[in-house]
Amino acid sequence: MTTSEVRFAPEALEHLAELERYLADVSSPRVAVDYVDGIVAYCESLRTFPHRGHRRDDIRPGLRLTNYRGRTAIAFLVEDEQPIIVGVFYGGRDIEAALTTADDESTPSFLMLHDSAFYSDTV
C-alpha cells in the first residue's frame, strides 16, 4: 500500500544540507551527494510502510526513529499515514537534545506545527 508523499520539515532539509557539506569536506562531493541521495530515497520508501522504526514517545508523542546504514538516524512523524521527516542525525549526534529545548525539555515548536505549508513537498 502506498501512502501520500513523504514531506520534509525545514530542519530536516537543513540537516541534509549540513551532512552533504560535511561529507564533501571529509570525503568527496560525489560521495556526499550519493550518501544524501540514499538517505532521501530511504525516507521516500517510508510511504509504503510508514510505521517502521522505533517509537520515541518519550521525546514527542508519535515520534519514530529509524536509521540509514547504521550511521544516520532519521526522526519522523506519521500524520494521516503521511510520513513527515523532522530530523536527520549523522554519526551519533544527540537526538534527544536536538529535538528538545534546553530550557524545559519540552518539544520545540517545529515538531508541534501541523500546518501543511510548513513542510516541503520535495527535497
PDB file of N, CA and C in Angstrom:
ATOM      1  N   MET A   1       0.840  -1.187   0.000  1.00  0.00           N
ATOM      2  CA  MET A   1       0.000   0.000   0.000  1.00  0.00           C
ATOM      3  C   MET A   1       0.881   1.245   0.000  1.00  0.00           C
ATOM      4  N   THR A   2       0.597   2.157  -0.877  1.00  0.00           N
ATOM      5  CA  THR A   2       1.357   3.390  -0.959  1.00  0.00           C
ATOM      6  C   THR A   2       0.544   4.516  -0.340  1.00  0.00           C
ATOM      7  N   THR A   3       1.193   5.301   0.511  1.00  0.00           N
ATOM      8  CA  THR A   3       0.518   6.440   1.129  1.00  0.00           C
ATOM      9  C   THR A   3       0.872   7.697   0.348  1.00  0.00           C
ATOM     10  N   SER A   4       0.510   8.831   0.888  1.00  0.00           N
ATOM     11  CA  SER A   4       0.829  10.092   0.242  1.00  0.00           C
ATOM     12  C   SER A   4       2.332  10.365   0.316  1.00  0.00           C
ATOM     13  N   GLU A   5       2.746  11.405  -0.333  1.00  0.00           N
ATOM     14  CA  GLU A   5       4.159  11.761  -0.412  1.00  0.00           C
ATOM     15  C   GLU A   5       4.787  11.967   0.958  1.00  0.00           C
ATOM     16  N   VAL A   6       6.050  11.678   1.042  1.00  0.00           N
ATOM     17  CA  VAL A   6       6.835  11.963   2.243  1.00  0.00           C
ATOM     18  C   VAL A   6       7.152  13.444   2.229  1.00  0.00           C
ATOM     19  N   ARG A   7       7.049  14.070   3.381  1.00  0.00           N
ATOM     20  CA  ARG A   7       7.370  15.501   3.492  1.00  0.00           C
ATOM     21  C   ARG A   7       8.577  15.678   4.397  1.00  0.00           C
ATOM     22  N   PHE A   8       9.302  16.764   4.189  1.00  0.00           N
ATOM     23  CA  PHE A   8      10.498  17.091   4.969  1.00  0.00           C
ATOM     24  C   PHE A   8      10.312  18.441   5.642  1.00  0.00           C
ATOM     25  N   ALA A   9      10.460  18.477   6.973  1.00  0.00           N
ATOM     26  CA  ALA A   9      10.441  19.744   7.703  1.00  0.00           C
ATOM     27  C   ALA A   9      11.675  20.545   7.298  1.00  0.00           C
ATOM     28  N   PRO A  10      11.620  21.864   7.375  1.00  0.00           N
ATOM     29  CA  PRO A  10      12.791  22.684   7.019  1.00  0.00           C
ATOM     30  C   PRO A  10      14.054  22.281   7.777  1.00  0.00           C
ATOM     31  N   GLU A  11      13.917  21.906   9.045  1.00  0.00           N
ATOM     32  CA  GLU A  11      15.083  21.486   9.830  1.00  0.00           C
ATOM     33  C   GLU A  11      15.710  20.225   9.244  1.00  0.00           C
ATOM     34  N   ALA A  12      14.886  19.293   8.793  1.00  0.00           N
ATOM     35  CA  ALA A  12      15.417  18.069   8.184  1.00  0.00           C
ATOM     36  C   ALA A  12      16.162  18.388   6.895  1.00  0.00           C
ATOM     37  N   LEU A  13      15.629  19.302   6.113  1.00  0.00           N
ATOM     38  CA  LEU A  13      16.324  19.706   4.882  1.00  0.00           C
ATOM     39  C   LEU A  13      17.661  20.359   5.206  1.00  0.00           C
ATOM     40  N   GLU A  14      17.696  21.151   6.266  1.00  0.00           N
ATOM     41  CA  GLU A  14      18.959  21.773   6.685  1.00  0.00           C
ATOM     42  C   GLU A  14      19.938  20.713   7.178  1.00  0.00           C
ATOM     43  N   HIS A  15      19.447  19.727   7.910  1.00  0.00           N
ATOM     44  CA  HIS A  15      20.313  18.640   8.364  1.00  0.00           C
ATOM     45  C   HIS A  15      20.946  17.930   7.169  1.00  0.00           C
ATOM     46  N   LEU A  16      20.147  17.672   6.126  1.00  0.00           N
ATOM     47  CA  LEU A  16      20.671  17.013   4.925  1.00  0.00           C
ATOM     48  C   LEU A  16      21.720  17.873   4.234  1.00  0.00           C
ATOM     49  N   ALA A  17      21.465  19.172   4.154  1.00  0.00           N
ATOM     50  CA  ALA A  17      22.439  20.075   3.526  1.00  0.00           C
ATOM     51  C   ALA A  17      23.732  20.127   4.328  1.00  0.00           C
ATOM     52  N   GLU A  18      23.619  20.191   5.658  1.00  0.00           N
ATOM     53  CA  GLU A  18      24.810  20.198   6.518  1.00  0.00           C
ATOM     54  C   GLU A  18      25.600  18.905   6.367  1.00  0.00           C
ATOM     55  N   LEU A  19      24.898  17.782   6.312  1.00  0.00           N
ATOM     56  CA  LEU A  19      25.561  16.490   6.155  1.00  0.00           C
ATOM     57  C   LEU A  19      26.282  16.418   4.814  1.00  0.00           C
ATOM     58  N   GLU A  20      25.641  16.901   3.780  1.00  0.00           N
ATOM     59  CA  GLU A  20      26.285  16.880   2.462  1.00  0.00           C
ATOM     60  C   GLU A  20      27.551  17.730   2.451  1.00  0.00           C
ATOM     61  N   ARG A  21      27.491  18.907   3.063  1.00  0.00           N
ATOM     62  CA  ARG A  21      28.694  19.763   3.145  1.00  0.00           C
ATOM     63  C   ARG A  21      29.799  19.067   3.938  1.00  0.00           C
ATOM     64  N   TYR A  22      29.440  18.463   5.054  1.00  0.00           N
ATOM     65  CA  TYR A  22      30.419  17.774   5.892  1.00  0.00           C
ATOM     66  C   TYR A  22      31.078  16.628   5.127  1.00  0.00           C
ATOM     67  N   LEU A  23      30.276  15.784   4.511  1.00  0.00           N
ATOM     68  CA  LEU A  23      30.826  14.639   3.787  1.00  0.00           C
ATOM     69  C   LEU A  23      31.662  15.072   2.589  1.00  0.00           C
ATOM     70  N   ALA A  24      31.281  16.150   1.944  1.00  0.00           N
ATOM     71  CA  ALA A  24      32.070  16.658   0.822  1.00  0.00           C
ATOM     72  C   ALA A  24      33.448  17.102   1.304  1.00  0.00           C
ATOM     73  N   ASP A  25      33.508  17.678   2.504  1.00  0.00           N
ATOM     74  CA  ASP A  25      34.785  18.129   3.070  1.00  0.00           C
ATOM     75  C   ASP A  25      35.671  16.960   3.496  1.00  0.00           C
ATOM     76  N   VAL A  26      35.092  15.940   4.127  1.00  0.00           N
ATOM     77  CA  VAL A  26      35.909  14.847   4.657  1.00  0.00           C
ATOM     78  C   VAL A  26      36.106  13.706   3.667  1.00  0.00           C
ATOM     79  N   SER A  27      35.316  13.684   2.616  1.00  0.00           N
ATOM     80  CA  SER A  27      35.440  12.615   1.630  1.00  0.00           C
ATOM     81  C   SER A  27      35.538  13.221   0.239  1.00  0.00           C
ATOM     82  N   SER A  28      34.415  13.290  -0.454  1.00  0.00           N
ATOM     83  CA  SER A  28      34.385  13.922  -1.778  1.00  0.00           C
ATOM     84  C   SER A  28      32.963  14.386  -2.063  1.00  0.00           C
ATOM     85  N   PRO A  29      32.817  15.355  -2.948  1.00  0.00           N
ATOM     86  CA  PRO A  29      31.466  15.803  -3.304  1.00  0.00           C
ATOM     87  C   PRO A  29      30.605  14.665  -3.866  1.00  0.00           C
ATOM     88  N   ARG A  30      31.175  13.774  -4.647  1.00  0.00           N
ATOM     89  CA  ARG A  30      30.414  12.657  -5.221  1.00  0.00           C
ATOM     90  C   ARG A  30      29.894  11.720  -4.135  1.00  0.00           C
ATOM     91  N   VAL A  31      30.760  11.380  -3.172  1.00  0.00           N
ATOM     92  CA  VAL A  31      30.349  10.528  -2.054  1.00  0.00           C
ATOM     93  C   VAL A  31      29.238  11.213  -1.260  1.00  0.00           C
ATOM     94  N   ALA A  32      29.381  12.507  -1.023  1.00  0.00           N
ATOM     95  CA  ALA A  32      28.385  13.259  -0.262  1.00  0.00           C
ATOM     96  C   ALA A  32      27.022  13.232  -0.947  1.00  0.00           C
ATOM     97  N   VAL A  33      27.001  13.511  -2.233  1.00  0.00           N
ATOM     98  CA  VAL A  33      25.743  13.526  -2.979  1.00  0.00           C
ATOM     99  C   VAL A  33      25.113  12.141  -2.982  1.00  0.00           C
ATOM    100  N   ASP A  34      25.916  11.116  -3.228  1.00  0.00           N
ATOM    101  CA  ASP A  34      25.378   9.752  -3.256  1.00  0.00           C
ATOM    102  C   ASP A  34      24.797   9.346  -1.907  1.00  0.00           C
ATOM    103  N   TYR A  35      25.490   9.686  -0.820  1.00  0.00           N
ATOM    104  CA  TYR A  35      25.024   9.308   0.511  1.00  0.00           C
ATOM    105  C   TYR A  35      23.715  10.029   0.851  1.00  0.00           C
ATOM    106  N   VAL A  36      23.669  11.328   0.613  1.00  0.00           N
ATOM    107  CA  VAL A  36      22.455  12.091   0.915  1.00  0.00           C
ATOM    108  C   VAL A  36      21.309  11.651   0.012  1.00  0.00           C
ATOM    109  N   ASP A  37      21.587  11.378  -1.258  1.00  0.00           N
ATOM    110  CA  ASP A  37      20.539  10.857  -2.139  1.00  0.00           C
ATOM    111  C   ASP A  37      19.999   9.522  -1.617  1.00  0.00           C
ATOM    112  N   GLY A  38      20.887   8.693  -1.066  1.00  0.00           N
ATOM    113  CA  GLY A  38      20.455   7.421  -0.483  1.00  0.00           C
ATOM    114  C   GLY A  38      19.544   7.627   0.715  1.00  0.00           C
ATOM    115  N   ILE A  39      19.874   8.612   1.544  1.00  0.00           N
ATOM    116  CA  ILE A  39      19.020   8.929   2.700  1.00  0.00           C
ATOM    117  C   ILE A  39      17.646   9.371   2.221  1.00  0.00           C
ATOM    118  N   VAL A  40      17.616  10.254   1.244  1.00  0.00           N
ATOM    119  CA  VAL A  40      16.344  10.756   0.726  1.00  0.00           C
ATOM    120  C   VAL A  40      15.519   9.607   0.143  1.00  0.00           C
ATOM    121  N   ALA A  41      16.163   8.729  -0.623  1.00  0.00           N
ATOM    122  CA  ALA A  41      15.447   7.576  -1.191  1.00  0.00           C
ATOM    123  C   ALA A  41      14.891   6.685  -0.081  1.00  0.00           C
ATOM    124  N   TYR A  42      15.688   6.486   0.975  1.00  0.00           N
ATOM    125  CA  TYR A  42      15.212   5.690   2.104  1.00  0.00           C
ATOM    126  C   TYR A  42      14.001   6.363   2.763  1.00  0.00           C
ATOM    127  N   CYS A  43      14.090   7.666   2.961  1.00  0.00           N
ATOM    128  CA  CYS A  43      12.957   8.403   3.545  1.00  0.00           C
ATOM    129  C   CYS A  43      11.720   8.272   2.668  1.00  0.00           C
ATOM    130  N   GLU A  44      11.909   8.373   1.370  1.00  0.00           N
ATOM    131  CA  GLU A  44      10.768   8.251   0.464  1.00  0.00           C
ATOM    132  C   GLU A  44      10.161   6.854   0.498  1.00  0.00           C
ATOM    133  N   SER A  45      10.963   5.848   0.850  1.00  0.00           N
ATOM    134  CA  SER A  45      10.423   4.487   0.949  1.00  0.00           C
ATOM    135  C   SER A  45       9.478   4.335   2.133  1.00  0.00           C
ATOM    136  N   LEU A  46       9.503   5.289   3.049  1.00  0.00           N
ATOM    137  CA  LEU A  46       8.578   5.243   4.194  1.00  0.00           C
ATOM    138  C   LEU A  46       7.124   5.336   3.747  1.00  0.00           C
ATOM    139  N   ARG A  47       6.881   5.813   2.553  1.00  0.00           N
ATOM    140  CA  ARG A  47       5.495   5.940   2.089  1.00  0.00           C
ATOM    141  C   ARG A  47       4.818   4.575   1.969  1.00  0.00           C
ATOM    142  N   THR A  48       5.594   3.508   1.745  1.00  0.00           N
ATOM    143  CA  THR A  48       4.977   2.191   1.600  1.00  0.00           C
ATOM    144  C   THR A  48       4.743   1.490   2.933  1.00  0.00           C
ATOM    145  N   PHE A  49       5.490   1.866   3.944  1.00  0.00           N
ATOM    146  CA  PHE A  49       5.293   1.296   5.282  1.00  0.00           C
ATOM    147  C   PHE A  49       5.745   2.345   6.292  1.00  0.00           C
ATOM    148  N   PRO A  50       4.903   3.344   6.550  1.00  0.00           N
ATOM    149  CA  PRO A  50       5.335   4.488   7.348  1.00  0.00           C
ATOM    150  C   PRO A  50       5.524   4.225   8.836  1.00  0.00           C
ATOM    151  N   HIS A  51       5.010   3.132   9.360  1.00  0.00           N
ATOM    152  CA  HIS A  51       5.081   2.903  10.804  1.00  0.00           C
ATOM    153  C   HIS A  51       6.271   2.042  11.215  1.00  0.00           C
ATOM    154  N   ARG A  52       7.322   2.042  10.413  1.00  0.00           N
ATOM    155  CA  ARG A  52       8.515   1.274  10.803  1.00  0.00           C
ATOM    156  C   ARG A  52       9.355   2.086  11.769  1.00  0.00           C
ATOM    157  N   GLY A  53      10.378   1.485  12.262  1.00  0.00           N
ATOM    158  CA  GLY A  53      11.248   2.173  13.214  1.00  0.00           C
ATOM    159  C   GLY A  53      10.754   2.012  14.632  1.00  0.00           C
ATOM    160  N   HIS A  54      11.403   2.717  15.527  1.00  0.00           N
ATOM    161  CA  HIS A  54      11.082   2.647  16.952  1.00  0.00           C
ATOM    162  C   HIS A  54      10.317   3.894  17.380  1.00  0.00           C
ATOM    163  N   ARG A  55       9.254   3.692  18.124  1.00  0.00           N
ATOM    164  CA  ARG A  55       8.513   4.834  18.679  1.00  0.00           C
ATOM    165  C   ARG A  55       9.333   5.476  19.771  1.00  0.00           C
ATOM    166  N   ARG A  56       9.338   6.791  19.809  1.00  0.00           N
ATOM    167  CA  ARG A  56      10.033   7.543  20.863  1.00  0.00           C
ATOM    168  C   ARG A  56       9.079   8.567  21.453  1.00  0.00           C
ATOM    169  N   ASP A  57       8.006   8.062  22.029  1.00  0.00           N
ATOM    170  CA  ASP A  57       7.015   8.928  22.657  1.00  0.00           C
ATOM    171  C   ASP A  57       7.600   9.687  23.839  1.00  0.00           C
ATOM    172  N   ASP A  58       8.748   9.226  24.378  1.00  0.00           N
ATOM    173  CA  ASP A  58       9.385   9.935  25.479  1.00  0.00           C
ATOM    174  C   ASP A  58       9.962  11.275  25.016  1.00  0.00           C
ATOM    175  N   ILE A  59      10.233  11.406  23.737  1.00  0.00           N
ATOM    176  CA  ILE A  59      10.725  12.673  23.189  1.00  0.00           C
ATOM    177  C   ILE A  59       9.555  13.524  22.716  1.00  0.00           C
ATOM    178  N   ARG A  60       8.647  12.905  21.976  1.00  0.00           N
ATOM    179  CA  ARG A  60       7.457  13.581  21.481  1.00  0.00           C
ATOM    180  C   ARG A  60       6.435  12.518  21.084  1.00  0.00           C
ATOM    181  N   PRO A  61       5.190  12.664  21.482  1.00  0.00           N
ATOM    182  CA  PRO A  61       4.185  11.676  21.094  1.00  0.00           C
ATOM    183  C   PRO A  61       4.151  11.487  19.574  1.00  0.00           C
ATOM    184  N   GLY A  62       4.230  10.239  19.159  1.00  0.00           N
ATOM    185  CA  GLY A  62       4.162   9.923  17.739  1.00  0.00           C
ATOM    186  C   GLY A  62       5.492   9.925  17.012  1.00  0.00           C
ATOM    187  N   LEU A  63       6.557  10.368  17.679  1.00  0.00           N
ATOM    188  CA  LEU A  63       7.865  10.414  17.027  1.00  0.00           C
ATOM    189  C   LEU A  63       8.391   8.997  16.835  1.00  0.00           C
ATOM    190  N   ARG A  64       8.950   8.749  15.664  1.00  0.00           N
ATOM    191  CA  ARG A  64       9.550   7.461  15.347  1.00  0.00           C
ATOM    192  C   ARG A  64      10.987   7.694  14.894  1.00  0.00           C
ATOM    193  N   LEU A  65      11.853   6.713  15.155  1.00  0.00           N
ATOM    194  CA  LEU A  65      13.249   6.767  14.712  1.00  0.00           C
ATOM    195  C   LEU A  65      13.571   5.512  13.923  1.00  0.00           C
ATOM    196  N   THR A  66      14.279   5.702  12.840  1.00  0.00           N
ATOM    197  CA  THR A  66      14.819   4.604  12.069  1.00  0.00           C
ATOM    198  C   THR A  66      16.231   5.011  11.690  1.00  0.00           C
ATOM    199  N   ASN A  67      16.951   4.124  11.018  1.00  0.00           N
ATOM    200  CA  ASN A  67      18.311   4.511  10.642  1.00  0.00           C
ATOM    201  C   ASN A  67      18.611   4.120   9.217  1.00  0.00           C
ATOM    202  N   TYR A  68      19.618   4.782   8.692  1.00  0.00           N
ATOM    203  CA  TYR A  68      20.116   4.519   7.345  1.00  0.00           C
ATOM    204  C   TYR A  68      21.573   4.115   7.463  1.00  0.00           C
ATOM    205  N   ARG A  69      21.881   2.915   7.050  1.00  0.00           N
ATOM    206  CA  ARG A  69      23.237   2.368   7.070  1.00  0.00           C
ATOM    207  C   ARG A  69      23.896   2.419   8.451  1.00  0.00           C
ATOM    208  N   GLY A  70      23.101   2.431   9.492  1.00  0.00           N
ATOM    209  CA  GLY A  70      23.632   2.353  10.847  1.00  0.00           C
ATOM    210  C   GLY A  70      24.323   3.600  11.364  1.00  0.00           C
ATOM    211  N   ARG A  71      24.573   4.586  10.531  1.00  0.00           N
ATOM    212  CA  ARG A  71      25.276   5.801  10.950  1.00  0.00           C
ATOM    213  C   ARG A  71      24.387   7.035  10.957  1.00  0.00           C
ATOM    214  N   THR A  72      23.218   6.924  10.382  1.00  0.00           N
ATOM    215  CA  THR A  72      22.341   8.081  10.261  1.00  0.00           C
ATOM    216  C   THR A  72      20.967   7.747  10.816  1.00  0.00           C
ATOM    217  N   ALA A  73      20.544   8.495  11.833  1.00  0.00           N
ATOM    218  CA  ALA A  73      19.214   8.327  12.407  1.00  0.00           C
ATOM    219  C   ALA A  73      18.253   9.297  11.732  1.00  0.00           C
ATOM    220  N   ILE A  74      17.072   8.806  11.475  1.00  0.00           N
ATOM    221  CA  ILE A  74      16.029   9.611  10.834  1.00  0.00           C
ATOM    222  C   ILE A  74      14.856   9.683  11.793  1.00  0.00           C
ATOM    223  N   ALA A  75      14.496  10.900  12.184  1.00  0.00           N
ATOM    224  CA  ALA A  75      13.361  11.134  13.079  1.00  0.00           C
ATOM    225  C   ALA A  75      12.170  11.584  12.229  1.00  0.00           C
ATOM    226  N   PHE A  76      11.018  10.949  12.477  1.00  0.00           N
ATOM    227  CA  PHE A  76       9.850  11.304  11.672  1.00  0.00           C
ATOM    228  C   PHE A  76       8.559  11.076  12.442  1.00  0.00           C
ATOM    229  N   LEU A  77       7.531  11.711  11.946  1.00  0.00           N
ATOM    230  CA  LEU A  77       6.169  11.564  12.450  1.00  0.00           C
ATOM    231  C   LEU A  77       5.341  10.946  11.340  1.00  0.00           C
ATOM    232  N   VAL A  78       4.225  10.362  11.697  1.00  0.00           N
ATOM    233  CA  VAL A  78       3.272   9.885  10.707  1.00  0.00           C
ATOM    234  C   VAL A  78       1.937  10.516  11.061  1.00  0.00           C
ATOM    235  N   GLU A  79       1.453  11.354  10.163  1.00  0.00           N
ATOM    236  CA  GLU A  79       0.158  12.020  10.372  1.00  0.00           C
ATOM    237  C   GLU A  79      -0.746  11.674   9.210  1.00  0.00           C
ATOM    238  N   ASP A  80      -1.871  11.065   9.496  1.00  0.00           N
ATOM    239  CA  ASP A  80      -2.813  10.619   8.462  1.00  0.00           C
ATOM    240  C   ASP A  80      -2.097   9.773   7.421  1.00  0.00           C
ATOM    241  N   GLU A  81      -1.258   8.840   7.891  1.00  0.00           N
ATOM    242  CA  GLU A  81      -0.477   7.920   7.059  1.00  0.00           C
ATOM    243  C   GLU A  81       0.572   8.619   6.195  1.00  0.00           C
ATOM    244  N   GLN A  82       0.829   9.893   6.444  1.00  0.00           N
ATOM    245  CA  GLN A  82       1.859  10.618   5.703  1.00  0.00           C
ATOM    246  C   GLN A  82       3.108  10.769   6.573  1.00  0.00           C
ATOM    247  N   PRO A  83       4.242  10.210   6.135  1.00  0.00           N
ATOM    248  CA  PRO A  83       5.493  10.388   6.873  1.00  0.00           C
ATOM    249  C   PRO A  83       6.005  11.823   6.730  1.00  0.00           C
ATOM    250  N   ILE A  84       6.429  12.388   7.854  1.00  0.00           N
ATOM    251  CA  ILE A  84       6.990  13.742   7.870  1.00  0.00           C
ATOM    252  C   ILE A  84       8.353  13.650   8.546  1.00  0.00           C
ATOM    253  N   ILE A  85       9.397  13.854   7.784  1.00  0.00           N
ATOM    254  CA  ILE A  85      10.760  13.769   8.295  1.00  0.00           C
ATOM    255  C   ILE A  85      11.054  15.055   9.059  1.00  0.00           C
ATOM    256  N   VAL A  86      11.396  14.932  10.344  1.00  0.00           N
ATOM    257  CA  VAL A  86      11.650  16.121  11.155  1.00  0.00           C
ATOM    258  C   VAL A  86      13.126  16.306  11.487  1.00  0.00           C
ATOM    259  N   GLY A  87      13.944  15.275  11.255  1.00  0.00           N
ATOM    260  CA  GLY A  87      15.366  15.424  11.533  1.00  0.00           C
ATOM    261  C   GLY A  87      16.173  14.279  10.959  1.00  0.00           C
ATOM    262  N   VAL A  88      17.420  14.591  10.585  1.00  0.00           N
ATOM    263  CA  VAL A  88      18.370  13.600  10.088  1.00  0.00           C
ATOM    264  C   VAL A  88      19.657  13.821  10.876  1.00  0.00           C
ATOM    265  N   PHE A  89      20.105  12.785  11.591  1.00  0.00           N
ATOM    266  CA  PHE A  89      21.216  12.928  12.531  1.00  0.00           C
ATOM    267  C   PHE A  89      22.314  11.931  12.196  1.00  0.00           C
ATOM    268  N   TYR A  90      23.497  12.442  11.896  1.00  0.00           N
ATOM    269  CA  TYR A  90      24.617  11.607  11.452  1.00  0.00           C
ATOM    270  C   TYR A  90      25.623  11.391  12.575  1.00  0.00           C
ATOM    271  N   GLY A  91      26.153  10.188  12.639  1.00  0.00           N
ATOM    272  CA  GLY A  91      27.314   9.895  13.465  1.00  0.00           C
ATOM    273  C   GLY A  91      27.164  10.089  14.958  1.00  0.00           C
ATOM    274  N   GLY A  92      26.069   9.653  15.527  1.00  0.00           N
ATOM    275  CA  GLY A  92      25.948   9.678  16.982  1.00  0.00           C
ATOM    276  C   GLY A  92      25.550  11.011  17.590  1.00  0.00           C
ATOM    277  N   ARG A  93      25.021  11.937  16.798  1.00  0.00           N
ATOM    278  CA  ARG A  93      24.529  13.195  17.378  1.00  0.00           C
ATOM    279  C   ARG A  93      23.468  12.895  18.423  1.00  0.00           C
ATOM    280  N   ASP A  94      23.366  13.757  19.409  1.00  0.00           N
ATOM    281  CA  ASP A  94      22.403  13.588  20.493  1.00  0.00           C
ATOM    282  C   ASP A  94      21.012  13.980  19.989  1.00  0.00           C
ATOM    283  N   ILE A  95      20.261  12.981  19.601  1.00  0.00           N
ATOM    284  CA  ILE A  95      18.944  13.222  19.007  1.00  0.00           C
ATOM    285  C   ILE A  95      17.993  13.848  20.015  1.00  0.00           C
ATOM    286  N   GLU A  96      17.986  13.326  21.238  1.00  0.00           N
ATOM    287  CA  GLU A  96      17.084  13.881  22.249  1.00  0.00           C
ATOM    288  C   GLU A  96      17.355  15.357  22.483  1.00  0.00           C
ATOM    289  N   ALA A  97      18.616  15.725  22.595  1.00  0.00           N
ATOM    290  CA  ALA A  97      18.960  17.136  22.812  1.00  0.00           C
ATOM    291  C   ALA A  97      18.540  17.985  21.622  1.00  0.00           C
ATOM    292  N   ALA A  98      18.700  17.450  20.428  1.00  0.00           N
ATOM    293  CA  ALA A  98      18.340  18.211  19.234  1.00  0.00           C
ATOM    294  C   ALA A  98      16.838  18.389  19.081  1.00  0.00           C
ATOM    295  N   LEU A  99      16.077  17.453  19.617  1.00  0.00           N
ATOM    296  CA  LEU A  99      14.621  17.505  19.459  1.00  0.00           C
ATOM    297  C   LEU A  99      13.884  18.026  20.680  1.00  0.00           C
ATOM    298  N   THR A 100      14.620  18.443  21.694  1.00  0.00           N
ATOM    299  CA  THR A 100      14.012  19.080  22.857  1.00  0.00           C
ATOM    300  C   THR A 100      14.763  20.367  23.136  1.00  0.00           C
ATOM    301  N   THR A 101      14.132  21.266  23.853  1.00  0.00           N
ATOM    302  CA  THR A 101      14.774  22.529  24.182  1.00  0.00           C
ATOM    303  C   THR A 101      15.550  22.392  25.481  1.00  0.00           C
ATOM    304  N   ALA A 102      16.573  23.174  25.648  1.00  0.00           N
ATOM    305  CA  ALA A 102      17.403  23.110  26.848  1.00  0.00           C
ATOM    306  C   ALA A 102      16.677  23.675  28.073  1.00  0.00           C
ATOM    307  N   ASP A 103      15.762  24.609  27.873  1.00  0.00           N
ATOM    308  CA  ASP A 103      15.107  25.287  28.982  1.00  0.00           C
ATOM    309  C   ASP A 103      14.236  24.363  29.827  1.00  0.00           C
ATOM    310  N   ASP A 104      13.309  23.681  29.153  1.00  0.00           N
ATOM    311  CA  ASP A 104      12.352  22.904  29.933  1.00  0.00           C
ATOM    312  C   ASP A 104      12.138  21.498  29.385  1.00  0.00           C
ATOM    313  N   GLU A 105      12.998  21.053  28.494  1.00  0.00           N
ATOM    314  CA  GLU A 105      12.904  19.728  27.898  1.00  0.00           C
ATOM    315  C   GLU A 105      11.570  19.505  27.187  1.00  0.00           C
ATOM    316  N   SER A 106      10.903  20.576  26.786  1.00  0.00           N
ATOM    317  CA  SER A 106       9.657  20.416  26.048  1.00  0.00           C
ATOM    318  C   SER A 106       9.953  20.293  24.552  1.00  0.00           C
ATOM    319  N   THR A 107       8.945  19.926  23.822  1.00  0.00           N
ATOM    320  CA  THR A 107       9.105  19.739  22.394  1.00  0.00           C
ATOM    321  C   THR A 107       9.269  21.093  21.703  1.00  0.00           C
ATOM    322  N   PRO A 108      10.247  21.240  20.818  1.00  0.00           N
ATOM    323  CA  PRO A 108      10.403  22.501  20.105  1.00  0.00           C
ATOM    324  C   PRO A 108       9.218  22.752  19.175  1.00  0.00           C
ATOM    325  N   SER A 109       9.023  23.994  18.841  1.00  0.00           N
ATOM    326  CA  SER A 109       7.839  24.376  18.081  1.00  0.00           C
ATOM    327  C   SER A 109       7.767  23.706  16.718  1.00  0.00           C
ATOM    328  N   PHE A 110       8.899  23.417  16.066  1.00  0.00           N
ATOM    329  CA  PHE A 110       8.802  22.841  14.729  1.00  0.00           C
ATOM    330  C   PHE A 110       8.190  21.446  14.750  1.00  0.00           C
ATOM    331  N   LEU A 111       8.228  20.755  15.888  1.00  0.00           N
ATOM    332  CA  LEU A 111       7.596  19.447  15.975  1.00  0.00           C
ATOM    333  C   LEU A 111       6.112  19.543  16.310  1.00  0.00           C
ATOM    334  N   MET A 112       5.660  20.697  16.731  1.00  0.00           N
ATOM    335  CA  MET A 112       4.263  20.844  17.115  1.00  0.00           C
ATOM    336  C   MET A 112       3.420  21.416  15.986  1.00  0.00           C
ATOM    337  N   LEU A 113       4.036  21.948  14.955  1.00  0.00           N
ATOM    338  CA  LEU A 113       3.285  22.549  13.867  1.00  0.00           C
ATOM    339  C   LEU A 113       2.617  21.476  13.020  1.00  0.00           C
ATOM    340  N   HIS A 114       1.412  21.747  12.595  1.00  0.00           N
ATOM    341  CA  HIS A 114       0.695  20.816  11.738  1.00  0.00           C
ATOM    342  C   HIS A 114       0.213  21.503  10.478  1.00  0.00           C
ATOM    343  N   ASP A 115       0.658  22.715  10.217  1.00  0.00           N
ATOM    344  CA  ASP A 115       0.272  23.461   9.044  1.00  0.00           C
ATOM    345  C   ASP A 115       0.990  22.872   7.829  1.00  0.00           C
ATOM    346  N   SER A 116       0.236  22.421   6.837  1.00  0.00           N
ATOM    347  CA  SER A 116       0.858  21.775   5.684  1.00  0.00           C
ATOM    348  C   SER A 116       1.798  22.712   4.936  1.00  0.00           C
ATOM    349  N   ALA A 117       1.621  24.012   5.062  1.00  0.00           N
ATOM    350  CA  ALA A 117       2.523  24.952   4.396  1.00  0.00           C
ATOM    351  C   ALA A 117       3.912  24.929   5.021  1.00  0.00           C
ATOM    352  N   PHE A 118       4.007  24.405   6.227  1.00  0.00           N
ATOM    353  CA  PHE A 118       5.288  24.350   6.942  1.00  0.00           C
ATOM    354  C   PHE A 118       6.241  23.353   6.313  1.00  0.00           C
ATOM    355  N   TYR A 119       5.722  22.301   5.746  1.00  0.00           N
ATOM    356  CA  TYR A 119       6.542  21.213   5.248  1.00  0.00           C
ATOM    357  C   TYR A 119       6.859  21.389   3.781  1.00  0.00           C
ATOM    358  N   SER A 120       8.025  20.937   3.397  1.00  0.00           N
ATOM    359  CA  SER A 120       8.427  20.945   1.996  1.00  0.00           C
ATOM    360  C   SER A 120       7.927  19.679   1.331  1.00  0.00           C
ATOM    361  N   ASP A 121       7.408  19.800   0.125  1.00  0.00           N
ATOM    362  CA  ASP A 121       6.950  18.625  -0.609  1.00  0.00           C
ATOM    363  C   ASP A 121       8.091  17.853  -1.238  1.00  0.00           C
ATOM    364  N   THR A 122       9.202  18.518  -1.474  1.00  0.00           N
ATOM    365  CA  THR A 122      10.315  17.853  -2.135  1.00  0.00           C
ATOM    366  C   THR A 122      11.610  18.270  -1.474  1.00  0.00           C
ATOM    367  N   VAL A 123      12.625  17.547  -1.786  1.00  0.00           N
ATOM    368  CA  VAL A 123      13.951  17.877  -1.267  1.00  0.00           C
ATOM    369  C   VAL A 123      14.661  18.706  -2.291  1.00  0.00           C
TER     370      VAL A 123
END
